[in-house]
């Protein structure tokens, strides 16, 4: 699995409407590569469901309450305030856990950013590369979600999409000729 670790402009230069790409491939090949990339991206995008808006609102309210309490001076914390903070923290953790996807399932989106950043382009070796554009390559977030790193369990979305589309590729080429 390959991620597009390049700038947005560089990724756009690999899209199917560029002169260099158009001259290298026949019309039928371009159509098939385009369909393979679009279908794989569609599967990956559709596999990621949105997190519950109700739970996200509840989480925002709890964090706001926590922030309001924490903004006070630590010297003014009473045992009652500390108990309230402890309850808030446990409620926040439980809510975050219920919002997140289960390990092995595609990630849930909060804002849809990763869905919007899923693109496909032609690689230099006449292959379609589908995946998220890495605007900040040092973050490693897409790879961490896909493969699992550190204490984060894998939440694959590109691998299952690739597996779903692979059996259809031969038929796409057969239909194109």
Foldseek 3Di string as FASTA:
>chain_A
DDAAADAPVVQVCQALVHPVNPVVDDPLLSVLQVVLQVQLLVQLLVQAAAFDPVLVVVLVVLVVVLVVLVVDDPVPDDPVSVVVNVVSVVVNVVSVVVRFDDFQGATYDHPCVQSVQWGWGADPVRHIDTGGYCNPVVVCVRVCQQPNDDPGHHHRRSVVSCVVCVVCSVVSSVVSD
